[in-house]
Amino acid sequence: MSVLPYAIAGWIFIIGVYGLATSRNLIHAVGCLAVCQSSTYVLLLSVGYRDGGTAPVFSDLQPGSRPLVDPIVQALALTDVVVGATLTALLLALVVQVDKRHGTVDPDELSELRG
């Protein structure tokens, strides 16, 4: 079992968190959150990968003859894509409303949001 996919998922997540921490634009911050979300795709697919595995939908395979790929992890990855796209669209809609109301997307200039 290789740790390379897990390292790549961690690297993508760190890149997204770094971009989020250094972002001075709300649109850039939403993009960085999407990058963090994409690291979960790599993580889920690496968890479900089986070397030499086949799809579990073939009925002509003898039980135990070949390793099967886990279909639940693939379904979770697909669900993760849908949730990520929905979350990104919602956050971008909120950024548009912030820009309409305050005239800026710079978090430092949003003085009305400070406590």
PDB file of N, CA and C in Angstrom:
ATOM      1  N   MET A   1       0.843  -1.171   0.000  1.00  0.00           N
ATOM      2  CA  MET A   1       0.000   0.000   0.000  1.00  0.00           C
ATOM      3  C   MET A   1       0.892   1.240   0.000  1.00  0.00           C
ATOM      4  N   SER A   2       0.616   2.139  -0.896  1.00  0.00           N
ATOM      5  CA  SER A   2       1.413   3.342  -1.047  1.00  0.00           C
ATOM      6  C   SER A   2       0.811   4.494  -0.249  1.00  0.00           C
ATOM      7  N   VAL A   3       1.674   5.312   0.305  1.00  0.00           N
ATOM      8  CA  VAL A   3       1.218   6.486   1.031  1.00  0.00           C
ATOM      9  C   VAL A   3       1.174   7.716   0.131  1.00  0.00           C
ATOM     10  N   LEU A   4       1.556   7.564  -1.128  1.00  0.00           N
ATOM     11  CA  LEU A   4       1.605   8.704  -2.041  1.00  0.00           C
ATOM     12  C   LEU A   4       0.248   9.392  -2.215  1.00  0.00           C
ATOM     13  N   PRO A   5      -0.865   8.668  -2.434  1.00  0.00           N
ATOM     14  CA  PRO A   5      -2.154   9.373  -2.560  1.00  0.00           C
ATOM     15  C   PRO A   5      -2.546  10.140  -1.308  1.00  0.00           C
ATOM     16  N   TYR A   6      -2.213   9.592  -0.141  1.00  0.00           N
ATOM     17  CA  TYR A   6      -2.532  10.281   1.108  1.00  0.00           C
ATOM     18  C   TYR A   6      -1.675  11.541   1.255  1.00  0.00           C
ATOM     19  N   ALA A   7      -0.417  11.446   0.849  1.00  0.00           N
ATOM     20  CA  ALA A   7       0.464  12.614   0.901  1.00  0.00           C
ATOM     21  C   ALA A   7      -0.004  13.690  -0.074  1.00  0.00           C
ATOM     22  N   ILE A   8      -0.458  13.278  -1.243  1.00  0.00           N
ATOM     23  CA  ILE A   8      -0.966  14.243  -2.222  1.00  0.00           C
ATOM     24  C   ILE A   8      -2.227  14.922  -1.699  1.00  0.00           C
ATOM     25  N   ALA A   9      -3.122  14.152  -1.074  1.00  0.00           N
ATOM     26  CA  ALA A   9      -4.338  14.737  -0.495  1.00  0.00           C
ATOM     27  C   ALA A   9      -3.981  15.732   0.606  1.00  0.00           C
ATOM     28  N   GLY A  10      -3.017  15.392   1.441  1.00  0.00           N
ATOM     29  CA  GLY A  10      -2.585  16.311   2.487  1.00  0.00           C
ATOM     30  C   GLY A  10      -1.934  17.560   1.916  1.00  0.00           C
ATOM     31  N   TRP A  11      -1.146  17.397   0.862  1.00  0.00           N
ATOM     32  CA  TRP A  11      -0.481  18.536   0.223  1.00  0.00           C
ATOM     33  C   TRP A  11      -1.511  19.483  -0.392  1.00  0.00           C
ATOM     34  N   ILE A  12      -2.514  18.940  -1.075  1.00  0.00           N
ATOM     35  CA  ILE A  12      -3.566  19.777  -1.663  1.00  0.00           C
ATOM     36  C   ILE A  12      -4.320  20.530  -0.564  1.00  0.00           C
ATOM     37  N   PHE A  13      -4.590  19.844   0.548  1.00  0.00           N
ATOM     38  CA  PHE A  13      -5.294  20.488   1.654  1.00  0.00           C
ATOM     39  C   PHE A  13      -4.458  21.624   2.252  1.00  0.00           C
ATOM     40  N   ILE A  14      -3.165  21.388   2.438  1.00  0.00           N
ATOM     41  CA  ILE A  14      -2.282  22.421   2.989  1.00  0.00           C
ATOM     42  C   ILE A  14      -2.204  23.626   2.058  1.00  0.00           C
ATOM     43  N   ILE A  15      -2.150  23.394   0.756  1.00  0.00           N
ATOM     44  CA  ILE A  15      -2.133  24.498  -0.216  1.00  0.00           C
ATOM     45  C   ILE A  15      -3.417  25.320  -0.092  1.00  0.00           C
ATOM     46  N   GLY A  16      -4.561  24.659   0.034  1.00  0.00           N
ATOM     47  CA  GLY A  16      -5.826  25.372   0.184  1.00  0.00           C
ATOM     48  C   GLY A  16      -5.903  26.160   1.475  1.00  0.00           C
ATOM     49  N   VAL A  17      -5.427  25.585   2.569  1.00  0.00           N
ATOM     50  CA  VAL A  17      -5.449  26.283   3.854  1.00  0.00           C
ATOM     51  C   VAL A  17      -4.498  27.476   3.823  1.00  0.00           C
ATOM     52  N   TYR A  18      -3.331  27.324   3.194  1.00  0.00           N
ATOM     53  CA  TYR A  18      -2.399  28.440   3.078  1.00  0.00           C
ATOM     54  C   TYR A  18      -3.026  29.577   2.264  1.00  0.00           C
ATOM     55  N   GLY A  19      -3.673  29.240   1.157  1.00  0.00           N
ATOM     56  CA  GLY A  19      -4.340  30.261   0.353  1.00  0.00           C
ATOM     57  C   GLY A  19      -5.460  30.942   1.113  1.00  0.00           C
ATOM     58  N   LEU A  20      -6.171  30.167   1.912  1.00  0.00           N
ATOM     59  CA  LEU A  20      -7.258  30.728   2.722  1.00  0.00           C
ATOM     60  C   LEU A  20      -6.718  31.666   3.796  1.00  0.00           C
ATOM     61  N   ALA A  21      -5.596  31.306   4.403  1.00  0.00           N
ATOM     62  CA  ALA A  21      -5.021  32.135   5.459  1.00  0.00           C
ATOM     63  C   ALA A  21      -4.433  33.430   4.914  1.00  0.00           C
ATOM     64  N   THR A  22      -3.958  33.408   3.685  1.00  0.00           N
ATOM     65  CA  THR A  22      -3.326  34.599   3.112  1.00  0.00           C
ATOM     66  C   THR A  22      -4.248  35.372   2.181  1.00  0.00           C
ATOM     67  N   SER A  23      -5.487  34.980   2.086  1.00  0.00           N
ATOM     68  CA  SER A  23      -6.413  35.598   1.147  1.00  0.00           C
ATOM     69  C   SER A  23      -6.865  36.969   1.619  1.00  0.00           C
ATOM     70  N   ARG A  24      -6.873  37.924   0.726  1.00  0.00           N
ATOM     71  CA  ARG A  24      -7.385  39.267   1.003  1.00  0.00           C
ATOM     72  C   ARG A  24      -8.576  39.561   0.097  1.00  0.00           C
ATOM     73  N   ASN A  25      -9.257  38.523  -0.344  1.00  0.00           N
ATOM     74  CA  ASN A  25     -10.387  38.664  -1.237  1.00  0.00           C
ATOM     75  C   ASN A  25     -11.341  37.517  -0.929  1.00  0.00           C
ATOM     76  N   LEU A  26     -12.615  37.818  -0.780  1.00  0.00           N
ATOM     77  CA  LEU A  26     -13.580  36.769  -0.442  1.00  0.00           C
ATOM     78  C   LEU A  26     -13.747  35.753  -1.563  1.00  0.00           C
ATOM     79  N   ILE A  27     -13.636  36.187  -2.806  1.00  0.00           N
ATOM     80  CA  ILE A  27     -13.756  35.248  -3.925  1.00  0.00           C
ATOM     81  C   ILE A  27     -12.566  34.288  -3.918  1.00  0.00           C
ATOM     82  N   HIS A  28     -11.390  34.804  -3.635  1.00  0.00           N
ATOM     83  CA  HIS A  28     -10.206  33.957  -3.531  1.00  0.00           C
ATOM     84  C   HIS A  28     -10.354  32.970  -2.379  1.00  0.00           C
ATOM     85  N   ALA A  29     -10.940  33.411  -1.267  1.00  0.00           N
ATOM     86  CA  ALA A  29     -11.153  32.530  -0.126  1.00  0.00           C
ATOM     87  C   ALA A  29     -12.108  31.394  -0.479  1.00  0.00           C
ATOM     88  N   VAL A  30     -13.146  31.682  -1.242  1.00  0.00           N
ATOM     89  CA  VAL A  30     -14.076  30.626  -1.672  1.00  0.00           C
ATOM     90  C   VAL A  30     -13.356  29.631  -2.574  1.00  0.00           C
ATOM     91  N   GLY A  31     -12.500  30.130  -3.450  1.00  0.00           N
ATOM     92  CA  GLY A  31     -11.716  29.235  -4.309  1.00  0.00           C
ATOM     93  C   GLY A  31     -10.771  28.358  -3.510  1.00  0.00           C
ATOM     94  N   CYS A  32     -10.178  28.921  -2.470  1.00  0.00           N
ATOM     95  CA  CYS A  32      -9.280  28.137  -1.622  1.00  0.00           C
ATOM     96  C   CYS A  32     -10.042  27.073  -0.833  1.00  0.00           C
ATOM     97  N   LEU A  33     -11.255  27.394  -0.409  1.00  0.00           N
ATOM     98  CA  LEU A  33     -12.087  26.369   0.239  1.00  0.00           C
ATOM     99  C   LEU A  33     -12.434  25.242  -0.729  1.00  0.00           C
ATOM    100  N   ALA A  34     -12.638  25.582  -1.997  1.00  0.00           N
ATOM    101  CA  ALA A  34     -12.903  24.555  -3.005  1.00  0.00           C
ATOM    102  C   ALA A  34     -11.675  23.667  -3.209  1.00  0.00           C
ATOM    103  N   VAL A  35     -10.483  24.249  -3.116  1.00  0.00           N
ATOM    104  CA  VAL A  35      -9.260  23.449  -3.219  1.00  0.00           C
ATOM    105  C   VAL A  35      -9.152  22.504  -2.025  1.00  0.00           C
ATOM    106  N   CYS A  36      -9.459  22.996  -0.830  1.00  0.00           N
ATOM    107  CA  CYS A  36      -9.462  22.123   0.348  1.00  0.00           C
ATOM    108  C   CYS A  36     -10.465  20.983   0.175  1.00  0.00           C
ATOM    109  N   GLN A  37     -11.608  21.287  -0.385  1.00  0.00           N
ATOM    110  CA  GLN A  37     -12.627  20.271  -0.623  1.00  0.00           C
ATOM    111  C   GLN A  37     -12.134  19.232  -1.630  1.00  0.00           C
ATOM    112  N   SER A  38     -11.375  19.668  -2.623  1.00  0.00           N
ATOM    113  CA  SER A  38     -10.902  18.718  -3.638  1.00  0.00           C
ATOM    114  C   SER A  38      -9.885  17.737  -3.067  1.00  0.00           C
ATOM    115  N   SER A  39      -9.243  18.081  -1.963  1.00  0.00           N
ATOM    116  CA  SER A  39      -8.329  17.110  -1.358  1.00  0.00           C
ATOM    117  C   SER A  39      -9.091  15.903  -0.813  1.00  0.00           C
ATOM    118  N   THR A  40     -10.344  16.100  -0.444  1.00  0.00           N
ATOM    119  CA  THR A  40     -11.131  14.973   0.047  1.00  0.00           C
ATOM    120  C   THR A  40     -11.477  14.001  -1.077  1.00  0.00           C
ATOM    121  N   TYR A  41     -11.554  14.482  -2.325  1.00  0.00           N
ATOM    122  CA  TYR A  41     -11.799  13.574  -3.442  1.00  0.00           C
ATOM    123  C   TYR A  41     -10.636  12.593  -3.574  1.00  0.00           C
ATOM    124  N   VAL A  42      -9.429  13.128  -3.526  1.00  0.00           N
ATOM    125  CA  VAL A  42      -8.246  12.285  -3.645  1.00  0.00           C
ATOM    126  C   VAL A  42      -8.173  11.314  -2.473  1.00  0.00           C
ATOM    127  N   LEU A  43      -8.481  11.798  -1.277  1.00  0.00           N
ATOM    128  CA  LEU A  43      -8.435  10.939  -0.098  1.00  0.00           C
ATOM    129  C   LEU A  43      -9.454   9.804  -0.196  1.00  0.00           C
ATOM    130  N   LEU A  44     -10.681  10.119  -0.575  1.00  0.00           N
ATOM    131  CA  LEU A  44     -11.706   9.076  -0.673  1.00  0.00           C
ATOM    132  C   LEU A  44     -11.369   8.053  -1.747  1.00  0.00           C
ATOM    133  N   LEU A  45     -10.903   8.522  -2.892  1.00  0.00           N
ATOM    134  CA  LEU A  45     -10.581   7.576  -3.959  1.00  0.00           C
ATOM    135  C   LEU A  45      -9.366   6.724  -3.619  1.00  0.00           C
ATOM    136  N   SER A  46      -8.427   7.264  -2.856  1.00  0.00           N
ATOM    137  CA  SER A  46      -7.275   6.460  -2.455  1.00  0.00           C
ATOM    138  C   SER A  46      -7.652   5.422  -1.401  1.00  0.00           C
ATOM    139  N   VAL A  47      -8.644   5.729  -0.569  1.00  0.00           N
ATOM    140  CA  VAL A  47      -9.107   4.751   0.413  1.00  0.00           C
ATOM    141  C   VAL A  47      -9.798   3.578  -0.289  1.00  0.00           C
ATOM    142  N   GLY A  48     -10.582   3.853  -1.319  1.00  0.00           N
ATOM    143  CA  GLY A  48     -11.345   2.811  -1.984  1.00  0.00           C
ATOM    144  C   GLY A  48     -10.598   2.069  -3.070  1.00  0.00           C
ATOM    145  N   TYR A  49      -9.366   2.475  -3.402  1.00  0.00           N
ATOM    146  CA  TYR A  49      -8.621   1.839  -4.491  1.00  0.00           C
ATOM    147  C   TYR A  49      -8.100   0.472  -4.056  1.00  0.00           C
ATOM    148  N   ARG A  50      -8.228  -0.495  -4.940  1.00  0.00           N
ATOM    149  CA  ARG A  50      -7.666  -1.831  -4.745  1.00  0.00           C
ATOM    150  C   ARG A  50      -6.863  -2.186  -5.981  1.00  0.00           C
ATOM    151  N   ASP A  51      -5.600  -2.541  -5.777  1.00  0.00           N
ATOM    152  CA  ASP A  51      -4.723  -2.885  -6.896  1.00  0.00           C
ATOM    153  C   ASP A  51      -5.249  -4.140  -7.587  1.00  0.00           C
ATOM    154  N   GLY A  52      -5.526  -4.025  -8.880  1.00  0.00           N
ATOM    155  CA  GLY A  52      -6.058  -5.144  -9.648  1.00  0.00           C
ATOM    156  C   GLY A  52      -7.527  -5.397  -9.402  1.00  0.00           C
ATOM    157  N   GLY A  53      -8.197  -4.487  -8.735  1.00  0.00           N
ATOM    158  CA  GLY A  53      -9.604  -4.662  -8.409  1.00  0.00           C
ATOM    159  C   GLY A  53     -10.510  -4.444  -9.605  1.00  0.00           C
ATOM    160  N   THR A  54     -11.659  -5.067  -9.567  1.00  0.00           N
ATOM    161  CA  THR A  54     -12.661  -4.907 -10.624  1.00  0.00           C
ATOM    162  C   THR A  54     -13.926  -4.328 -10.018  1.00  0.00           C
ATOM    163  N   ALA A  55     -14.797  -3.877 -10.889  1.00  0.00           N
ATOM    164  CA  ALA A  55     -16.077  -3.343 -10.440  1.00  0.00           C
ATOM    165  C   ALA A  55     -16.925  -4.463  -9.845  1.00  0.00           C
ATOM    166  N   PRO A  56     -17.635  -4.200  -8.751  1.00  0.00           N
ATOM    167  CA  PRO A  56     -18.405  -5.256  -8.099  1.00  0.00           C
ATOM    168  C   PRO A  56     -19.726  -5.583  -8.786  1.00  0.00           C
ATOM    169  N   VAL A  57     -19.974  -5.036  -9.958  1.00  0.00           N
ATOM    170  CA  VAL A  57     -21.253  -5.267 -10.618  1.00  0.00           C
ATOM    171  C   VAL A  57     -21.225  -6.455 -11.568  1.00  0.00           C
ATOM    172  N   PHE A  58     -20.054  -7.035 -11.804  1.00  0.00           N
ATOM    173  CA  PHE A  58     -19.966  -8.176 -12.714  1.00  0.00           C
ATOM    174  C   PHE A  58     -20.447  -9.439 -12.008  1.00  0.00           C
ATOM    175  N   SER A  59     -21.423 -10.112 -12.583  1.00  0.00           N
ATOM    176  CA  SER A  59     -21.980 -11.310 -11.938  1.00  0.00           C
ATOM    177  C   SER A  59     -21.261 -12.585 -12.356  1.00  0.00           C
ATOM    178  N   ASP A  60     -20.383 -12.511 -13.365  1.00  0.00           N
ATOM    179  CA  ASP A  60     -19.727 -13.723 -13.830  1.00  0.00           C
ATOM    180  C   ASP A  60     -18.424 -14.020 -13.087  1.00  0.00           C
ATOM    181  N   LEU A  61     -18.078 -13.234 -12.086  1.00  0.00           N
ATOM    182  CA  LEU A  61     -16.870 -13.478 -11.308  1.00  0.00           C
ATOM    183  C   LEU A  61     -17.154 -14.486 -10.206  1.00  0.00           C
ATOM    184  N   GLN A  62     -16.204 -15.363  -9.980  1.00  0.00           N
ATOM    185  CA  GLN A  62     -16.320 -16.311  -8.878  1.00  0.00           C
ATOM    186  C   GLN A  62     -16.026 -15.576  -7.572  1.00  0.00           C
ATOM    187  N   PRO A  63     -16.745 -15.870  -6.510  1.00  0.00           N
ATOM    188  CA  PRO A  63     -16.491 -15.196  -5.230  1.00  0.00           C
ATOM    189  C   PRO A  63     -15.057 -15.446  -4.756  1.00  0.00           C
ATOM    190  N   GLY A  64     -14.366 -14.370  -4.427  1.00  0.00           N
ATOM    191  CA  GLY A  64     -13.007 -14.472  -3.930  1.00  0.00           C
ATOM    192  C   GLY A  64     -11.943 -14.611  -4.996  1.00  0.00           C
ATOM    193  N   SER A  65     -12.335 -14.593  -6.291  1.00  0.00           N
ATOM    194  CA  SER A  65     -11.338 -14.780  -7.347  1.00  0.00           C
ATOM    195  C   SER A  65     -10.495 -13.533  -7.565  1.00  0.00           C
ATOM    196  N   ARG A  66     -11.078 -12.382  -7.469  1.00  0.00           N
ATOM    197  CA  ARG A  66     -10.361 -11.121  -7.667  1.00  0.00           C
ATOM    198  C   ARG A  66     -10.828 -10.130  -6.611  1.00  0.00           C
ATOM    199  N   PRO A  67      -9.953  -9.206  -6.234  1.00  0.00           N
ATOM    200  CA  PRO A  67     -10.396  -8.172  -5.288  1.00  0.00           C
ATOM    201  C   PRO A  67     -11.361  -7.204  -5.970  1.00  0.00           C
ATOM    202  N   LEU A  68     -12.311  -6.730  -5.219  1.00  0.00           N
ATOM    203  CA  LEU A  68     -13.304  -5.804  -5.743  1.00  0.00           C
ATOM    204  C   LEU A  68     -13.051  -4.401  -5.202  1.00  0.00           C
ATOM    205  N   VAL A  69     -13.354  -3.417  -6.029  1.00  0.00           N
ATOM    206  CA  VAL A  69     -13.253  -2.025  -5.619  1.00  0.00           C
ATOM    207  C   VAL A  69     -14.480  -1.700  -4.773  1.00  0.00           C
ATOM    208  N   ASP A  70     -14.281  -0.929  -3.721  1.00  0.00           N
ATOM    209  CA  ASP A  70     -15.374  -0.590  -2.817  1.00  0.00           C
ATOM    210  C   ASP A  70     -16.292   0.452  -3.470  1.00  0.00           C
ATOM    211  N   PRO A  71     -17.539   0.107  -3.786  1.00  0.00           N
ATOM    212  CA  PRO A  71     -18.425   1.066  -4.448  1.00  0.00           C
ATOM    213  C   PRO A  71     -18.944   2.150  -3.509  1.00  0.00           C
ATOM    214  N   ILE A  72     -18.922   1.916  -2.208  1.00  0.00           N
ATOM    215  CA  ILE A  72     -19.432   2.915  -1.270  1.00  0.00           C
ATOM    216  C   ILE A  72     -18.525   4.137  -1.252  1.00  0.00           C
ATOM    217  N   VAL A  73     -17.226   3.908  -1.344  1.00  0.00           N
ATOM    218  CA  VAL A  73     -16.292   5.032  -1.358  1.00  0.00           C
ATOM    219  C   VAL A  73     -16.475   5.849  -2.635  1.00  0.00           C
ATOM    220  N   GLN A  74     -16.746   5.183  -3.741  1.00  0.00           N
ATOM    221  CA  GLN A  74     -16.999   5.904  -4.987  1.00  0.00           C
ATOM    222  C   GLN A  74     -18.274   6.729  -4.888  1.00  0.00           C
ATOM    223  N   ALA A  75     -19.302   6.191  -4.260  1.00  0.00           N
ATOM    224  CA  ALA A  75     -20.544   6.946  -4.066  1.00  0.00           C
ATOM    225  C   ALA A  75     -20.321   8.128  -3.133  1.00  0.00           C
ATOM    226  N   LEU A  76     -19.499   7.947  -2.112  1.00  0.00           N
ATOM    227  CA  LEU A  76     -19.180   9.064  -1.216  1.00  0.00           C
ATOM    228  C   LEU A  76     -18.402  10.150  -1.947  1.00  0.00           C
ATOM    229  N   ALA A  77     -17.494   9.762  -2.848  1.00  0.00           N
ATOM    230  CA  ALA A  77     -16.748  10.757  -3.623  1.00  0.00           C
ATOM    231  C   ALA A  77     -17.684  11.538  -4.532  1.00  0.00           C
ATOM    232  N   LEU A  78     -18.626  10.863  -5.153  1.00  0.00           N
ATOM    233  CA  LEU A  78     -19.600  11.548  -6.000  1.00  0.00           C
ATOM    234  C   LEU A  78     -20.473  12.493  -5.170  1.00  0.00           C
ATOM    235  N   THR A  79     -20.887  12.057  -4.004  1.00  0.00           N
ATOM    236  CA  THR A  79     -21.657  12.917  -3.110  1.00  0.00           C
ATOM    237  C   THR A  79     -20.831  14.112  -2.661  1.00  0.00           C
ATOM    238  N   ASP A  80     -19.547  13.881  -2.434  1.00  0.00           N
ATOM    239  CA  ASP A  80     -18.649  14.965  -2.041  1.00  0.00           C
ATOM    240  C   ASP A  80     -18.524  16.014  -3.139  1.00  0.00           C
ATOM    241  N   VAL A  81     -18.505  15.587  -4.387  1.00  0.00           N
ATOM    242  CA  VAL A  81     -18.451  16.527  -5.511  1.00  0.00           C
ATOM    243  C   VAL A  81     -19.710  17.394  -5.541  1.00  0.00           C
ATOM    244  N   VAL A  82     -20.857  16.769  -5.358  1.00  0.00           N
ATOM    245  CA  VAL A  82     -22.128  17.513  -5.393  1.00  0.00           C
ATOM    246  C   VAL A  82     -22.216  18.498  -4.232  1.00  0.00           C
ATOM    247  N   VAL A  83     -21.840  18.055  -3.041  1.00  0.00           N
ATOM    248  CA  VAL A  83     -21.881  18.946  -1.879  1.00  0.00           C
ATOM    249  C   VAL A  83     -20.884  20.085  -2.050  1.00  0.00           C
ATOM    250  N   GLY A  84     -19.706  19.795  -2.588  1.00  0.00           N
ATOM    251  CA  GLY A  84     -18.705  20.843  -2.811  1.00  0.00           C
ATOM    252  C   GLY A  84     -19.174  21.883  -3.813  1.00  0.00           C
ATOM    253  N   ALA A  85     -19.804  21.436  -4.893  1.00  0.00           N
ATOM    254  CA  ALA A  85     -20.308  22.387  -5.888  1.00  0.00           C
ATOM    255  C   ALA A  85     -21.432  23.242  -5.310  1.00  0.00           C
ATOM    256  N   THR A  86     -22.305  22.633  -4.520  1.00  0.00           N
ATOM    257  CA  THR A  86     -23.395  23.379  -3.900  1.00  0.00           C
ATOM    258  C   THR A  86     -22.865  24.401  -2.897  1.00  0.00           C
ATOM    259  N   LEU A  87     -21.914  23.994  -2.084  1.00  0.00           N
ATOM    260  CA  LEU A  87     -21.332  24.900  -1.103  1.00  0.00           C
ATOM    261  C   LEU A  87     -20.613  26.061  -1.781  1.00  0.00           C
ATOM    262  N   THR A  88     -19.875  25.785  -2.844  1.00  0.00           N
ATOM    263  CA  THR A  88     -19.178  26.843  -3.571  1.00  0.00           C
ATOM    264  C   THR A  88     -20.165  27.830  -4.183  1.00  0.00           C
ATOM    265  N   ALA A  89     -21.254  27.329  -4.762  1.00  0.00           N
ATOM    266  CA  ALA A  89     -22.263  28.212  -5.347  1.00  0.00           C
ATOM    267  C   ALA A  89     -22.925  29.072  -4.274  1.00  0.00           C
ATOM    268  N   LEU A  90     -23.220  28.486  -3.129  1.00  0.00           N
ATOM    269  CA  LEU A  90     -23.829  29.248  -2.039  1.00  0.00           C
ATOM    270  C   LEU A  90     -22.889  30.327  -1.526  1.00  0.00           C
ATOM    271  N   LEU A  91     -21.635  29.986  -1.323  1.00  0.00           N
ATOM    272  CA  LEU A  91     -20.683  30.974  -0.829  1.00  0.00           C
ATOM    273  C   LEU A  91     -20.444  32.087  -1.842  1.00  0.00           C
ATOM    274  N   LEU A  92     -20.394  31.756  -3.119  1.00  0.00           N
ATOM    275  CA  LEU A  92     -20.230  32.800  -4.131  1.00  0.00           C
ATOM    276  C   LEU A  92     -21.449  33.714  -4.187  1.00  0.00           C
ATOM    277  N   ALA A  93     -22.643  33.163  -3.983  1.00  0.00           N
ATOM    278  CA  ALA A  93     -23.843  33.995  -3.938  1.00  0.00           C
ATOM    279  C   ALA A  93     -23.791  34.940  -2.732  1.00  0.00           C
ATOM    280  N   LEU A  94     -23.284  34.461  -1.599  1.00  0.00           N
ATOM    281  CA  LEU A  94     -23.134  35.327  -0.431  1.00  0.00           C
ATOM    282  C   LEU A  94     -22.097  36.421  -0.675  1.00  0.00           C
ATOM    283  N   VAL A  95     -21.020  36.085  -1.383  1.00  0.00           N
ATOM    284  CA  VAL A  95     -20.000  37.092  -1.703  1.00  0.00           C
ATOM    285  C   VAL A  95     -20.585  38.170  -2.613  1.00  0.00           C
ATOM    286  N   VAL A  96     -21.433  37.771  -3.562  1.00  0.00           N
ATOM    287  CA  VAL A  96     -22.080  38.750  -4.437  1.00  0.00           C
ATOM    288  C   VAL A  96     -22.966  39.681  -3.614  1.00  0.00           C
ATOM    289  N   GLN A  97     -23.699  39.142  -2.649  1.00  0.00           N
ATOM    290  CA  GLN A  97     -24.556  39.975  -1.803  1.00  0.00           C
ATOM    291  C   GLN A  97     -23.727  40.904  -0.910  1.00  0.00           C
ATOM    292  N   VAL A  98     -22.600  40.425  -0.408  1.00  0.00           N
ATOM    293  CA  VAL A  98     -21.712  41.285   0.388  1.00  0.00           C
ATOM    294  C   VAL A  98     -21.177  42.411  -0.482  1.00  0.00           C
ATOM    295  N   ASP A  99     -20.813  42.105  -1.718  1.00  0.00           N
ATOM    296  CA  ASP A  99     -20.306  43.134  -2.630  1.00  0.00           C
ATOM    297  C   ASP A  99     -21.387  44.161  -2.960  1.00  0.00           C
ATOM    298  N   LYS A 100     -22.620  43.704  -3.139  1.00  0.00           N
ATOM    299  CA  LYS A 100     -23.707  44.646  -3.424  1.00  0.00           C
ATOM    300  C   LYS A 100     -23.979  45.558  -2.231  1.00  0.00           C
ATOM    301  N   ARG A 101     -23.948  45.000  -1.033  1.00  0.00           N
ATOM    302  CA  ARG A 101     -24.294  45.783   0.152  1.00  0.00           C
ATOM    303  C   ARG A 101     -23.151  46.682   0.611  1.00  0.00           C
ATOM    304  N   HIS A 102     -21.914  46.176   0.584  1.00  0.00           N
ATOM    305  CA  HIS A 102     -20.793  46.921   1.147  1.00  0.00           C
ATOM    306  C   HIS A 102     -19.865  47.512   0.090  1.00  0.00           C
ATOM    307  N   GLY A 103     -19.992  47.070  -1.157  1.00  0.00           N
ATOM    308  CA  GLY A 103     -19.169  47.611  -2.227  1.00  0.00           C
ATOM    309  C   GLY A 103     -17.738  47.115  -2.251  1.00  0.00           C
ATOM    310  N   THR A 104     -17.441  46.059  -1.511  1.00  0.00           N
ATOM    311  CA  THR A 104     -16.090  45.510  -1.500  1.00  0.00           C
ATOM    312  C   THR A 104     -16.138  44.026  -1.169  1.00  0.00           C
ATOM    313  N   VAL A 105     -15.096  43.330  -1.580  1.00  0.00           N
ATOM    314  CA  VAL A 105     -14.957  41.917  -1.216  1.00  0.00           C
ATOM    315  C   VAL A 105     -13.698  41.699  -0.382  1.00  0.00           C
ATOM    316  N   ASP A 106     -13.100  42.789   0.112  1.00  0.00           N
ATOM    317  CA  ASP A 106     -11.938  42.707   0.989  1.00  0.00           C
ATOM    318  C   ASP A 106     -12.429  42.541   2.426  1.00  0.00           C
ATOM    319  N   PRO A 107     -12.055  41.474   3.106  1.00  0.00           N
ATOM    320  CA  PRO A 107     -12.559  41.263   4.464  1.00  0.00           C
ATOM    321  C   PRO A 107     -12.133  42.350   5.450  1.00  0.00           C
ATOM    322  N   ASP A 108     -10.988  42.976   5.218  1.00  0.00           N
ATOM    323  CA  ASP A 108     -10.525  44.021   6.132  1.00  0.00           C
ATOM    324  C   ASP A 108     -11.353  45.297   6.035  1.00  0.00           C
ATOM    325  N   GLU A 109     -11.994  45.525   4.907  1.00  0.00           N
ATOM    326  CA  GLU A 109     -12.783  46.742   4.715  1.00  0.00           C
ATOM    327  C   GLU A 109     -14.243  46.587   5.141  1.00  0.00           C
ATOM    328  N   LEU A 110     -14.625  45.431   5.587  1.00  0.00           N
ATOM    329  CA  LEU A 110     -16.008  45.194   6.021  1.00  0.00           C
ATOM    330  C   LEU A 110     -16.119  45.576   7.502  1.00  0.00           C
ATOM    331  N   SER A 111     -16.190  46.858   7.768  1.00  0.00           N
ATOM    332  CA  SER A 111     -16.189  47.360   9.134  1.00  0.00           C
ATOM    333  C   SER A 111     -17.480  47.065   9.875  1.00  0.00           C
ATOM    334  N   GLU A 112     -18.601  46.933   9.167  1.00  0.00           N
ATOM    335  CA  GLU A 112     -19.877  46.678   9.828  1.00  0.00           C
ATOM    336  C   GLU A 112     -19.941  45.276  10.423  1.00  0.00           C
ATOM    337  N   LEU A 113     -19.090  44.385   9.984  1.00  0.00           N
ATOM    338  CA  LEU A 113     -19.119  43.017  10.496  1.00  0.00           C
ATOM    339  C   LEU A 113     -18.273  42.839  11.745  1.00  0.00           C
ATOM    340  N   ARG A 114     -17.537  43.859  12.137  1.00  0.00           N
ATOM    341  CA  ARG A 114     -16.705  43.770  13.342  1.00  0.00           C
ATOM    342  C   ARG A 114     -17.569  43.963  14.580  1.00  0.00           C
ATOM    343  N   GLY A 115     -17.171  43.320  15.672  1.00  0.00           N
ATOM    344  CA  GLY A 115     -17.953  43.335  16.895  1.00  0.00           C
ATOM    345  C   GLY A 115     -17.836  44.560  17.724  1.00  0.00           C
TER     346      GLY A 115
END
